[in-house]
Each structure stands twice: as structure tokens, then as C-alpha cells.
């Protein structure tokens, strides 16, 4: 049974392709109580009312959100596939230095994903049109949490896919994998 347990962390990451990795909700006074959400999937797709978000972005001078032109989105499926391979190999090689290396690579992918996401948002949100109707000043990148920029409220969080990947990383972690291995005997 423990020989095939690598399927569990692998499946957790692969199941993540069906769920968003990150979601952000927006609301502006012009929409009343209606909130709009944009979700990014490990497949590299963006779901949600991009047109409405672009209207809100226009008021504070942020460029159009054009997922089809975002080169970063083209790499997300490969990054998630690499993550799946790393967690599977971390389990398969669990009692060796190589297993530790694969586990550390999986952790690095998830941490690097957040770091690059923050960098991308900072660059995207702060390269703005100086002729915008509303001068918002510096717009902090919001990867998790909530805030208000000008008159636009934002709530962002890492979604199901991201947390499934962390569960896969945790169950392949040194120490935890030994406990699971004992349990599976």
C-alpha cells in the first residue's frame, strides 16, 4: 500500500486543475452591492467578468486585463505539472536525500508562485495611465486579504487548488511521511 501512496499527493495536485488557484473579488459604488470575481486556474485560464473588472481598472488608470496576452498564464499549467511530479517523487524517494530535494523543490514552487504573483501584481497595478479619472497613488498588490483602492473594494485569497497542493506537500514532508508510512504498514 505504501508503495502506491505517491498517487495521493500526485492526485491532490492534479485534482487542483479543476479548481481555482487564486480568486479576487471587486466591488465599486457604481455596481451597488454587486461583487465581481476573477479566478485563475492551474490550467492557465482566467474566469470571471474581465470586462467589468477592466471598467473598474480604467478609473484608476490600470491597464486592461487581457489574459490571452499574459505570457505568465501560459506557464502555470507546466508549473503545476512540475509540482505534481515533485510531490510524487518526494514520496517515492522519501527516505533519501533525493526525496528531501524533491520535497524542497515542491515547497519552492509554491512559495515562488506566491512571490512571482506578488511581483506581477505590483508591476501590473502600478504601471498606470497618468490621465486616469481617479488618482489612486500606489496600489499595493493584494494576493491575500482585503483592502480599498480609491473607491474599489478588493478581497483576494488563494483558492482550493493552492491549498490542495499544500496538503500534498505536507503529507510528503520529512517526518510526516514516516508517520504515514508506519500507518500504512
N, C-alpha and C. Protein backbone atom coordinates (compact mmCIF):
# COMPACT_ATOMS: atom_id res chain seq x y z
N UNK A 1 0.82 -1.20 0.00
CA UNK A 1 0.00 0.00 0.00
C UNK A 1 0.87 1.27 0.00
N UNK A 2 1.92 1.28 0.85
CA UNK A 2 2.75 2.49 0.93
C UNK A 2 3.52 2.72 -0.37
N UNK A 3 3.74 1.64 -1.12
CA UNK A 3 4.45 1.75 -2.38
C UNK A 3 3.67 2.64 -3.37
N UNK A 4 2.35 2.56 -3.31
CA UNK A 4 1.50 3.30 -4.25
C UNK A 4 0.91 4.57 -3.66
N UNK A 5 1.32 4.92 -2.45
CA UNK A 5 0.78 6.10 -1.79
C UNK A 5 1.15 7.39 -2.53
N UNK A 6 2.20 7.34 -3.35
CA UNK A 6 2.59 8.53 -4.11
C UNK A 6 1.43 9.05 -4.97
N UNK A 7 0.47 8.17 -5.25
CA UNK A 7 -0.70 8.56 -6.06
C UNK A 7 -1.53 9.61 -5.32
N UNK A 8 -1.55 9.55 -3.99
CA UNK A 8 -2.35 10.50 -3.21
C UNK A 8 -1.86 11.94 -3.38
N UNK A 9 -0.58 12.25 -3.09
CA UNK A 9 -0.15 13.64 -3.30
C UNK A 9 -0.21 14.06 -4.77
N UNK A 10 0.10 13.12 -5.65
CA UNK A 10 0.02 13.40 -7.08
C UNK A 10 -1.42 13.76 -7.46
N UNK A 11 -2.37 12.97 -7.00
CA UNK A 11 -3.79 13.22 -7.31
C UNK A 11 -4.27 14.54 -6.73
N UNK A 12 -3.81 14.87 -5.52
CA UNK A 12 -4.24 16.14 -4.91
C UNK A 12 -3.86 17.33 -5.80
N UNK A 13 -2.65 17.31 -6.32
CA UNK A 13 -2.20 18.41 -7.18
C UNK A 13 -2.95 18.37 -8.51
N UNK A 14 -3.13 17.19 -9.08
CA UNK A 14 -3.81 17.08 -10.37
C UNK A 14 -5.30 17.42 -10.27
N UNK A 15 -5.94 17.06 -9.17
CA UNK A 15 -7.34 17.43 -8.96
C UNK A 15 -7.47 18.96 -8.92
N UNK A 16 -6.40 19.61 -8.45
CA UNK A 16 -6.38 21.06 -8.40
C UNK A 16 -6.61 21.74 -9.74
N UNK A 17 -6.35 21.05 -10.84
CA UNK A 17 -6.60 21.64 -12.15
C UNK A 17 -8.07 22.01 -12.34
N UNK A 18 -8.95 21.37 -11.60
CA UNK A 18 -10.39 21.63 -11.73
C UNK A 18 -10.86 22.82 -10.89
N UNK A 19 -9.99 23.33 -10.05
CA UNK A 19 -10.37 24.40 -9.12
C UNK A 19 -9.46 25.62 -9.31
N UNK A 20 -9.93 26.79 -8.88
CA UNK A 20 -9.09 27.98 -8.98
C UNK A 20 -7.90 27.90 -8.03
N UNK A 21 -6.81 28.52 -8.44
CA UNK A 21 -5.63 28.62 -7.57
C UNK A 21 -5.67 29.94 -6.81
N UNK A 22 -6.30 30.96 -7.40
CA UNK A 22 -6.38 32.28 -6.76
C UNK A 22 -7.64 32.98 -7.24
N UNK A 23 -8.29 33.69 -6.32
CA UNK A 23 -9.51 34.42 -6.65
C UNK A 23 -9.45 35.81 -6.02
N UNK A 24 -9.96 36.78 -6.76
CA UNK A 24 -10.07 38.13 -6.22
C UNK A 24 -11.47 38.66 -6.54
N UNK A 25 -12.07 39.29 -5.55
CA UNK A 25 -13.40 39.88 -5.68
C UNK A 25 -13.26 41.40 -5.71
N UNK A 26 -14.09 42.05 -6.53
CA UNK A 26 -14.09 43.50 -6.65
C UNK A 26 -15.49 44.06 -6.44
N UNK A 27 -15.54 45.26 -5.89
CA UNK A 27 -16.80 45.99 -5.80
C UNK A 27 -16.49 47.48 -5.89
N UNK A 28 -17.31 48.20 -6.64
CA UNK A 28 -17.20 49.65 -6.74
C UNK A 28 -18.61 50.23 -6.56
N UNK A 29 -18.71 51.48 -6.09
CA UNK A 29 -20.02 52.08 -5.85
C UNK A 29 -20.95 52.04 -7.07
N UNK A 30 -20.39 52.12 -8.28
CA UNK A 30 -21.23 52.12 -9.47
C UNK A 30 -21.97 50.79 -9.66
N UNK A 31 -21.52 49.74 -8.96
CA UNK A 31 -22.18 48.44 -9.07
C UNK A 31 -23.07 48.12 -7.86
N UNK A 32 -23.19 49.06 -6.95
CA UNK A 32 -24.02 48.84 -5.77
C UNK A 32 -23.48 47.71 -4.92
N UNK A 33 -24.34 46.75 -4.62
CA UNK A 33 -23.95 45.62 -3.77
C UNK A 33 -23.42 44.43 -4.57
N UNK A 34 -23.26 44.60 -5.87
CA UNK A 34 -22.78 43.51 -6.72
C UNK A 34 -21.26 43.43 -6.68
N UNK A 35 -20.76 42.25 -6.39
CA UNK A 35 -19.33 41.97 -6.40
C UNK A 35 -19.01 41.10 -7.61
N UNK A 36 -17.84 41.32 -8.17
CA UNK A 36 -17.37 40.52 -9.30
C UNK A 36 -16.11 39.79 -8.88
N UNK A 37 -15.98 38.56 -9.37
CA UNK A 37 -14.76 37.81 -9.02
C UNK A 37 -14.05 37.34 -10.28
N UNK A 38 -12.74 37.33 -10.17
CA UNK A 38 -11.86 36.80 -11.21
C UNK A 38 -11.08 35.67 -10.56
N UNK A 39 -11.06 34.51 -11.20
CA UNK A 39 -10.31 33.36 -10.68
C UNK A 39 -9.28 32.91 -11.71
N UNK A 40 -8.12 32.54 -11.20
CA UNK A 40 -7.05 31.99 -12.05
C UNK A 40 -6.97 30.50 -11.75
N UNK A 41 -6.94 29.70 -12.79
CA UNK A 41 -6.88 28.25 -12.66
C UNK A 41 -5.49 27.72 -13.03
N UNK A 42 -5.12 26.56 -12.48
CA UNK A 42 -3.82 25.97 -12.85
C UNK A 42 -3.73 25.61 -14.34
N UNK A 43 -4.86 25.62 -15.02
CA UNK A 43 -4.86 25.37 -16.46
C UNK A 43 -4.38 26.58 -17.24
N UNK A 44 -4.19 27.71 -16.53
CA UNK A 44 -3.75 28.93 -17.18
C UNK A 44 -4.90 29.78 -17.67
N UNK A 45 -6.11 29.46 -17.27
CA UNK A 45 -7.27 30.23 -17.68
C UNK A 45 -7.70 31.19 -16.58
N UNK A 46 -8.37 32.24 -17.00
CA UNK A 46 -8.92 33.23 -16.09
C UNK A 46 -10.42 33.22 -16.31
N UNK A 47 -11.17 33.04 -15.22
CA UNK A 47 -12.62 33.00 -15.31
C UNK A 47 -13.20 34.19 -14.56
N UNK A 48 -14.26 34.74 -15.11
CA UNK A 48 -14.92 35.85 -14.45
C UNK A 48 -15.18 36.99 -15.43
N UNK A 49 -15.87 38.00 -14.96
CA UNK A 49 -16.24 39.14 -15.81
C UNK A 49 -15.07 40.11 -16.03
N UNK A 50 -14.16 39.73 -16.87
CA UNK A 50 -12.98 40.54 -17.14
C UNK A 50 -13.39 41.93 -17.64
N UNK A 51 -14.44 42.01 -18.45
CA UNK A 51 -14.90 43.29 -18.97
C UNK A 51 -15.25 44.26 -17.84
N UNK A 52 -15.99 43.79 -16.85
CA UNK A 52 -16.39 44.64 -15.72
C UNK A 52 -15.18 45.07 -14.90
N UNK A 53 -14.25 44.17 -14.70
CA UNK A 53 -13.04 44.49 -13.95
C UNK A 53 -12.23 45.53 -14.72
N UNK A 54 -12.19 45.41 -16.03
CA UNK A 54 -11.47 46.40 -16.84
C UNK A 54 -12.10 47.79 -16.74
N UNK A 55 -13.41 47.85 -16.59
CA UNK A 55 -14.08 49.14 -16.39
C UNK A 55 -13.61 49.76 -15.07
N UNK A 56 -13.58 48.95 -14.00
CA UNK A 56 -13.11 49.46 -12.71
C UNK A 56 -11.64 49.87 -12.79
N UNK A 57 -10.83 49.06 -13.45
CA UNK A 57 -9.41 49.37 -13.58
C UNK A 57 -9.19 50.69 -14.32
N UNK A 58 -10.03 50.95 -15.32
CA UNK A 58 -9.89 52.17 -16.12
C UNK A 58 -9.95 53.42 -15.24
N UNK A 59 -10.82 53.43 -14.25
CA UNK A 59 -10.99 54.62 -13.41
C UNK A 59 -9.77 54.97 -12.59
N UNK A 60 -8.97 53.98 -12.27
CA UNK A 60 -7.74 54.27 -11.50
C UNK A 60 -6.49 54.16 -12.39
N UNK A 61 -6.70 54.03 -13.70
CA UNK A 61 -5.60 54.06 -14.65
C UNK A 61 -4.86 52.75 -14.85
N UNK A 62 -5.40 51.67 -14.34
CA UNK A 62 -4.76 50.36 -14.51
C UNK A 62 -5.11 49.84 -15.91
N UNK A 63 -4.14 49.27 -16.57
CA UNK A 63 -4.35 48.76 -17.92
C UNK A 63 -5.36 47.64 -17.96
N UNK A 64 -5.78 47.32 -19.17
CA UNK A 64 -6.75 46.25 -19.36
C UNK A 64 -6.17 44.91 -18.93
N UNK A 65 -7.01 44.12 -18.33
CA UNK A 65 -6.66 42.74 -18.00
C UNK A 65 -6.94 41.93 -19.27
N UNK A 66 -5.89 41.43 -19.89
CA UNK A 66 -6.02 40.68 -21.13
C UNK A 66 -5.35 39.32 -20.97
N UNK A 67 -6.10 38.35 -20.42
CA UNK A 67 -5.50 37.04 -20.14
C UNK A 67 -4.83 36.38 -21.35
N UNK A 68 -5.39 36.58 -22.51
CA UNK A 68 -4.81 35.95 -23.71
C UNK A 68 -3.44 36.49 -24.05
N UNK A 69 -3.08 37.66 -23.54
CA UNK A 69 -1.77 38.25 -23.80
C UNK A 69 -0.79 38.08 -22.64
N UNK A 70 -1.23 37.46 -21.56
CA UNK A 70 -0.38 37.31 -20.37
C UNK A 70 0.46 36.05 -20.49
N UNK A 71 1.72 36.24 -20.80
CA UNK A 71 2.64 35.12 -21.00
C UNK A 71 2.74 34.25 -19.75
N UNK A 72 2.61 34.88 -18.57
CA UNK A 72 2.70 34.14 -17.31
C UNK A 72 1.66 33.02 -17.22
N UNK A 73 0.48 33.28 -17.75
CA UNK A 73 -0.59 32.28 -17.68
C UNK A 73 -0.27 31.04 -18.49
N UNK A 74 0.53 31.20 -19.50
CA UNK A 74 0.91 30.05 -20.34
C UNK A 74 1.83 29.08 -19.59
N UNK A 75 2.53 29.59 -18.58
CA UNK A 75 3.45 28.75 -17.81
C UNK A 75 2.79 28.06 -16.61
N UNK A 76 1.65 28.54 -16.19
CA UNK A 76 1.02 27.99 -14.98
C UNK A 76 0.74 26.49 -15.10
N UNK A 77 0.18 25.98 -16.23
CA UNK A 77 -0.05 24.53 -16.30
C UNK A 77 1.24 23.71 -16.14
N UNK A 78 2.32 24.18 -16.72
CA UNK A 78 3.59 23.46 -16.62
C UNK A 78 4.14 23.52 -15.19
N UNK A 79 3.98 24.65 -14.54
CA UNK A 79 4.44 24.78 -13.15
C UNK A 79 3.65 23.82 -12.26
N UNK A 80 2.34 23.73 -12.48
CA UNK A 80 1.52 22.83 -11.66
C UNK A 80 1.86 21.37 -11.95
N UNK A 81 2.15 21.04 -13.20
CA UNK A 81 2.55 19.68 -13.54
C UNK A 81 3.89 19.35 -12.88
N UNK A 82 4.82 20.29 -12.90
CA UNK A 82 6.11 20.09 -12.25
C UNK A 82 5.93 19.88 -10.74
N UNK A 83 5.04 20.65 -10.15
CA UNK A 83 4.73 20.48 -8.73
C UNK A 83 4.21 19.06 -8.46
N UNK A 84 3.33 18.57 -9.33
CA UNK A 84 2.79 17.22 -9.17
C UNK A 84 3.91 16.18 -9.23
N UNK A 85 4.82 16.35 -10.14
CA UNK A 85 5.97 15.43 -10.26
C UNK A 85 6.83 15.50 -9.00
N UNK A 86 7.10 16.71 -8.51
CA UNK A 86 7.95 16.86 -7.32
C UNK A 86 7.34 16.18 -6.10
N UNK A 87 6.03 16.35 -5.87
CA UNK A 87 5.44 15.73 -4.67
C UNK A 87 5.40 14.21 -4.81
N UNK A 88 5.15 13.72 -6.02
CA UNK A 88 5.16 12.26 -6.23
C UNK A 88 6.56 11.70 -5.98
N UNK A 89 7.57 12.35 -6.53
CA UNK A 89 8.94 11.88 -6.33
C UNK A 89 9.41 12.06 -4.89
N UNK A 90 8.91 13.09 -4.22
CA UNK A 90 9.25 13.28 -2.80
C UNK A 90 8.77 12.08 -1.99
N UNK A 91 7.60 11.52 -2.35
CA UNK A 91 7.11 10.33 -1.66
C UNK A 91 7.90 9.08 -2.08
N UNK A 92 8.09 8.92 -3.36
CA UNK A 92 8.78 7.72 -3.87
C UNK A 92 10.20 7.63 -3.30
N UNK A 93 10.89 8.74 -3.21
CA UNK A 93 12.27 8.78 -2.70
C UNK A 93 12.31 9.28 -1.25
N UNK A 94 11.26 9.05 -0.49
CA UNK A 94 11.05 9.67 0.83
C UNK A 94 12.14 9.44 1.86
N UNK A 95 12.84 8.37 1.82
CA UNK A 95 13.84 8.09 2.84
C UNK A 95 15.26 8.34 2.35
N UNK A 96 15.39 9.31 1.47
CA UNK A 96 16.72 9.62 0.92
C UNK A 96 16.90 11.13 0.80
N UNK A 97 18.12 11.52 0.56
CA UNK A 97 18.39 12.95 0.34
C UNK A 97 17.70 13.45 -0.91
N UNK A 98 17.60 12.59 -1.90
CA UNK A 98 16.92 12.96 -3.14
C UNK A 98 15.45 13.27 -2.87
N UNK A 99 14.84 12.49 -2.00
CA UNK A 99 13.44 12.75 -1.61
C UNK A 99 13.30 14.12 -0.97
N UNK A 100 14.27 14.45 -0.10
CA UNK A 100 14.26 15.77 0.53
C UNK A 100 14.41 16.88 -0.51
N UNK A 101 15.26 16.65 -1.50
CA UNK A 101 15.46 17.63 -2.57
C UNK A 101 14.15 17.85 -3.33
N UNK A 102 13.46 16.75 -3.68
CA UNK A 102 12.19 16.89 -4.39
C UNK A 102 11.15 17.61 -3.54
N UNK A 103 11.14 17.31 -2.25
CA UNK A 103 10.20 17.97 -1.35
C UNK A 103 10.51 19.48 -1.27
N UNK A 104 11.79 19.82 -1.14
CA UNK A 104 12.17 21.23 -1.10
C UNK A 104 11.85 21.95 -2.40
N UNK A 105 11.98 21.26 -3.52
CA UNK A 105 11.61 21.84 -4.81
C UNK A 105 10.11 22.11 -4.87
N UNK A 106 9.30 21.20 -4.32
CA UNK A 106 7.85 21.41 -4.29
C UNK A 106 7.50 22.63 -3.43
N UNK A 107 8.15 22.74 -2.28
CA UNK A 107 7.93 23.91 -1.42
C UNK A 107 8.35 25.18 -2.16
N UNK A 108 9.49 25.12 -2.84
CA UNK A 108 9.99 26.29 -3.59
C UNK A 108 9.01 26.70 -4.69
N UNK A 109 8.39 25.74 -5.34
CA UNK A 109 7.41 26.06 -6.38
C UNK A 109 6.24 26.84 -5.78
N UNK A 110 5.71 26.36 -4.65
CA UNK A 110 4.55 27.05 -4.05
C UNK A 110 4.92 28.42 -3.50
N UNK A 111 6.06 28.53 -2.87
CA UNK A 111 6.49 29.83 -2.34
C UNK A 111 6.85 30.76 -3.50
N UNK A 112 7.53 30.23 -4.50
CA UNK A 112 7.88 31.02 -5.68
C UNK A 112 6.66 31.49 -6.45
N UNK A 113 5.62 30.67 -6.46
CA UNK A 113 4.36 31.05 -7.12
C UNK A 113 3.79 32.31 -6.47
N UNK A 114 3.78 32.34 -5.15
CA UNK A 114 3.26 33.50 -4.43
C UNK A 114 4.16 34.71 -4.65
N UNK A 115 5.46 34.51 -4.58
CA UNK A 115 6.40 35.62 -4.75
C UNK A 115 6.27 36.23 -6.15
N UNK A 116 6.23 35.37 -7.16
CA UNK A 116 6.09 35.91 -8.52
C UNK A 116 4.73 36.56 -8.69
N UNK A 117 3.71 35.99 -8.14
CA UNK A 117 2.35 36.55 -8.23
C UNK A 117 2.35 37.97 -7.65
N UNK A 118 2.98 38.14 -6.48
CA UNK A 118 3.06 39.46 -5.86
C UNK A 118 3.79 40.43 -6.79
N UNK A 119 4.93 39.99 -7.33
CA UNK A 119 5.72 40.82 -8.23
C UNK A 119 4.90 41.21 -9.46
N UNK A 120 4.23 40.24 -10.07
CA UNK A 120 3.41 40.52 -11.26
C UNK A 120 2.33 41.54 -10.95
N UNK A 121 1.62 41.33 -9.84
CA UNK A 121 0.55 42.27 -9.48
C UNK A 121 1.10 43.67 -9.20
N UNK A 122 2.24 43.75 -8.54
CA UNK A 122 2.83 45.05 -8.25
C UNK A 122 3.14 45.79 -9.55
N UNK A 123 3.73 45.08 -10.49
CA UNK A 123 4.07 45.69 -11.78
C UNK A 123 2.80 46.07 -12.55
N UNK A 124 1.83 45.16 -12.60
CA UNK A 124 0.59 45.38 -13.35
C UNK A 124 -0.22 46.54 -12.76
N UNK A 125 -0.36 46.56 -11.45
CA UNK A 125 -1.21 47.56 -10.80
C UNK A 125 -0.57 48.95 -10.74
N UNK A 126 0.73 49.03 -10.85
CA UNK A 126 1.41 50.31 -10.68
C UNK A 126 2.07 50.84 -11.94
N UNK A 127 1.70 50.28 -13.07
CA UNK A 127 2.07 50.84 -14.37
C UNK A 127 0.76 51.42 -14.91
N UNK A 128 0.51 52.68 -14.55
CA UNK A 128 -0.82 53.23 -14.80
C UNK A 128 -0.79 54.46 -15.71
N UNK A 129 -1.96 54.74 -16.24
CA UNK A 129 -2.19 55.90 -17.08
C UNK A 129 -2.25 57.15 -16.19
N UNK A 130 -1.36 58.10 -16.40
CA UNK A 130 -1.39 59.30 -15.57
C UNK A 130 -2.62 60.18 -15.81
N UNK A 131 -3.36 59.92 -16.88
CA UNK A 131 -4.56 60.70 -17.19
C UNK A 131 -5.83 60.05 -16.63
N UNK A 132 -5.68 59.07 -15.76
CA UNK A 132 -6.84 58.36 -15.19
C UNK A 132 -7.75 59.33 -14.45
N UNK A 133 -9.07 59.07 -14.49
CA UNK A 133 -10.01 59.94 -13.79
C UNK A 133 -9.77 60.01 -12.28
N UNK A 134 -9.33 58.90 -11.66
CA UNK A 134 -9.10 58.86 -10.22
C UNK A 134 -7.61 58.60 -9.98
N UNK A 135 -6.99 59.42 -9.18
CA UNK A 135 -5.56 59.25 -8.85
C UNK A 135 -5.48 58.40 -7.57
N UNK A 136 -5.12 57.16 -7.74
CA UNK A 136 -5.12 56.23 -6.61
C UNK A 136 -3.78 56.16 -5.89
N UNK A 137 -2.73 56.71 -6.45
CA UNK A 137 -1.42 56.57 -5.84
C UNK A 137 -0.93 55.13 -5.99
N UNK A 138 -0.03 54.75 -5.11
CA UNK A 138 0.49 53.38 -5.15
C UNK A 138 -0.63 52.39 -4.82
N UNK A 139 -0.77 51.36 -5.64
CA UNK A 139 -1.76 50.31 -5.40
C UNK A 139 -1.01 49.07 -4.94
N UNK A 140 -1.18 48.71 -3.68
CA UNK A 140 -0.46 47.53 -3.20
C UNK A 140 -0.99 46.24 -3.83
N UNK A 141 -0.09 45.34 -4.21
CA UNK A 141 -0.54 44.07 -4.74
C UNK A 141 -1.24 43.29 -3.63
N UNK A 142 -2.39 42.78 -3.93
CA UNK A 142 -3.18 42.05 -2.93
C UNK A 142 -3.26 40.59 -3.35
N UNK A 143 -2.47 39.74 -2.71
CA UNK A 143 -2.54 38.32 -3.02
C UNK A 143 -3.45 37.60 -2.03
N UNK A 144 -3.52 38.11 -0.80
CA UNK A 144 -4.45 37.58 0.21
C UNK A 144 -4.87 38.73 1.12
N UNK A 145 -6.15 38.79 1.40
CA UNK A 145 -6.65 39.81 2.31
C UNK A 145 -7.67 40.70 1.64
N UNK A 146 -7.90 41.86 2.24
CA UNK A 146 -8.87 42.80 1.69
C UNK A 146 -8.37 44.22 1.87
N UNK A 147 -8.80 45.09 0.99
CA UNK A 147 -8.45 46.50 1.09
C UNK A 147 -9.37 47.32 0.20
N UNK A 148 -9.06 48.61 0.12
CA UNK A 148 -9.83 49.53 -0.71
C UNK A 148 -8.83 50.41 -1.46
N UNK A 149 -8.96 50.47 -2.78
CA UNK A 149 -8.13 51.33 -3.62
C UNK A 149 -9.07 52.33 -4.26
N UNK A 150 -8.84 53.61 -3.96
CA UNK A 150 -9.76 54.67 -4.38
C UNK A 150 -11.14 54.29 -3.83
N UNK A 151 -12.09 54.00 -4.71
CA UNK A 151 -13.41 53.59 -4.22
C UNK A 151 -13.73 52.14 -4.59
N UNK A 152 -12.70 51.37 -4.85
CA UNK A 152 -12.88 49.96 -5.24
C UNK A 152 -12.42 49.07 -4.09
N UNK A 153 -13.33 48.23 -3.65
CA UNK A 153 -13.01 47.26 -2.60
C UNK A 153 -12.49 46.00 -3.25
N UNK A 154 -11.49 45.36 -2.59
CA UNK A 154 -10.92 44.12 -3.11
C UNK A 154 -10.78 43.11 -1.98
N UNK A 155 -11.07 41.86 -2.31
CA UNK A 155 -10.85 40.74 -1.39
C UNK A 155 -10.20 39.63 -2.21
N UNK A 156 -9.02 39.17 -1.79
CA UNK A 156 -8.29 38.16 -2.55
C UNK A 156 -7.86 37.03 -1.63
N UNK A 157 -7.78 35.84 -2.21
CA UNK A 157 -7.33 34.68 -1.45
C UNK A 157 -6.84 33.59 -2.39
N UNK A 158 -5.93 32.77 -1.85
CA UNK A 158 -5.53 31.58 -2.59
C UNK A 158 -6.64 30.56 -2.41
N UNK A 159 -6.98 29.93 -3.51
CA UNK A 159 -8.18 29.11 -3.55
C UNK A 159 -7.86 27.61 -3.43
N UNK A 160 -8.86 26.80 -3.67
CA UNK A 160 -8.82 25.35 -3.42
C UNK A 160 -7.59 24.67 -4.00
N UNK A 161 -7.26 24.97 -5.24
CA UNK A 161 -6.13 24.31 -5.89
C UNK A 161 -4.82 24.55 -5.15
N UNK A 162 -4.61 25.78 -4.71
CA UNK A 162 -3.39 26.12 -3.99
C UNK A 162 -3.29 25.33 -2.68
N UNK A 163 -4.40 25.24 -1.96
CA UNK A 163 -4.38 24.54 -0.67
C UNK A 163 -4.29 23.03 -0.83
N UNK A 164 -4.87 22.49 -1.90
CA UNK A 164 -4.69 21.06 -2.19
C UNK A 164 -3.20 20.76 -2.42
N UNK A 165 -2.54 21.66 -3.13
CA UNK A 165 -1.10 21.48 -3.38
C UNK A 165 -0.33 21.51 -2.07
N UNK A 166 -0.70 22.39 -1.14
CA UNK A 166 -0.01 22.43 0.15
C UNK A 166 -0.26 21.16 0.96
N UNK A 167 -1.46 20.61 0.87
CA UNK A 167 -1.73 19.34 1.56
C UNK A 167 -0.81 18.26 1.00
N UNK A 168 -0.65 18.23 -0.33
CA UNK A 168 0.26 17.26 -0.95
C UNK A 168 1.69 17.45 -0.46
N UNK A 169 2.11 18.69 -0.32
CA UNK A 169 3.47 18.96 0.16
C UNK A 169 3.61 18.54 1.62
N UNK A 170 2.61 18.82 2.42
CA UNK A 170 2.68 18.47 3.84
C UNK A 170 2.75 16.96 4.04
N UNK A 171 1.94 16.21 3.32
CA UNK A 171 1.95 14.75 3.54
C UNK A 171 3.20 14.07 3.00
N UNK A 172 3.97 14.78 2.18
CA UNK A 172 5.24 14.22 1.71
C UNK A 172 6.43 14.80 2.46
N UNK A 173 6.16 15.62 3.46
CA UNK A 173 7.23 16.26 4.24
C UNK A 173 8.00 15.23 5.05
N UNK A 174 9.32 15.42 5.17
CA UNK A 174 10.12 14.53 6.01
C UNK A 174 9.55 14.52 7.43
N UNK A 175 9.47 13.37 8.00
CA UNK A 175 8.89 13.25 9.34
C UNK A 175 7.43 12.86 9.24
N UNK A 176 6.65 13.65 8.55
CA UNK A 176 5.23 13.32 8.36
C UNK A 176 5.12 12.10 7.45
N UNK A 177 5.96 12.05 6.41
CA UNK A 177 5.89 10.89 5.52
C UNK A 177 6.26 9.59 6.25
N UNK A 178 7.13 9.69 7.26
CA UNK A 178 7.48 8.48 8.03
C UNK A 178 6.29 8.01 8.87
N UNK A 179 5.56 8.95 9.43
CA UNK A 179 4.36 8.58 10.21
C UNK A 179 3.30 7.96 9.31
N UNK A 180 3.13 8.51 8.12
CA UNK A 180 2.17 7.93 7.19
C UNK A 180 2.62 6.54 6.76
N UNK A 181 3.92 6.40 6.52
CA UNK A 181 4.48 5.10 6.13
C UNK A 181 4.22 4.05 7.22
N UNK A 182 4.40 4.40 8.48
CA UNK A 182 4.12 3.48 9.59
C UNK A 182 2.65 3.12 9.65
N UNK A 183 1.79 4.11 9.42
CA UNK A 183 0.36 3.90 9.46
C UNK A 183 -0.09 2.95 8.34
N UNK A 184 0.56 3.02 7.18
CA UNK A 184 0.19 2.22 6.02
C UNK A 184 0.69 0.78 6.08
N UNK A 185 1.56 0.43 7.04
CA UNK A 185 2.10 -0.93 7.12
C UNK A 185 1.03 -1.94 7.39
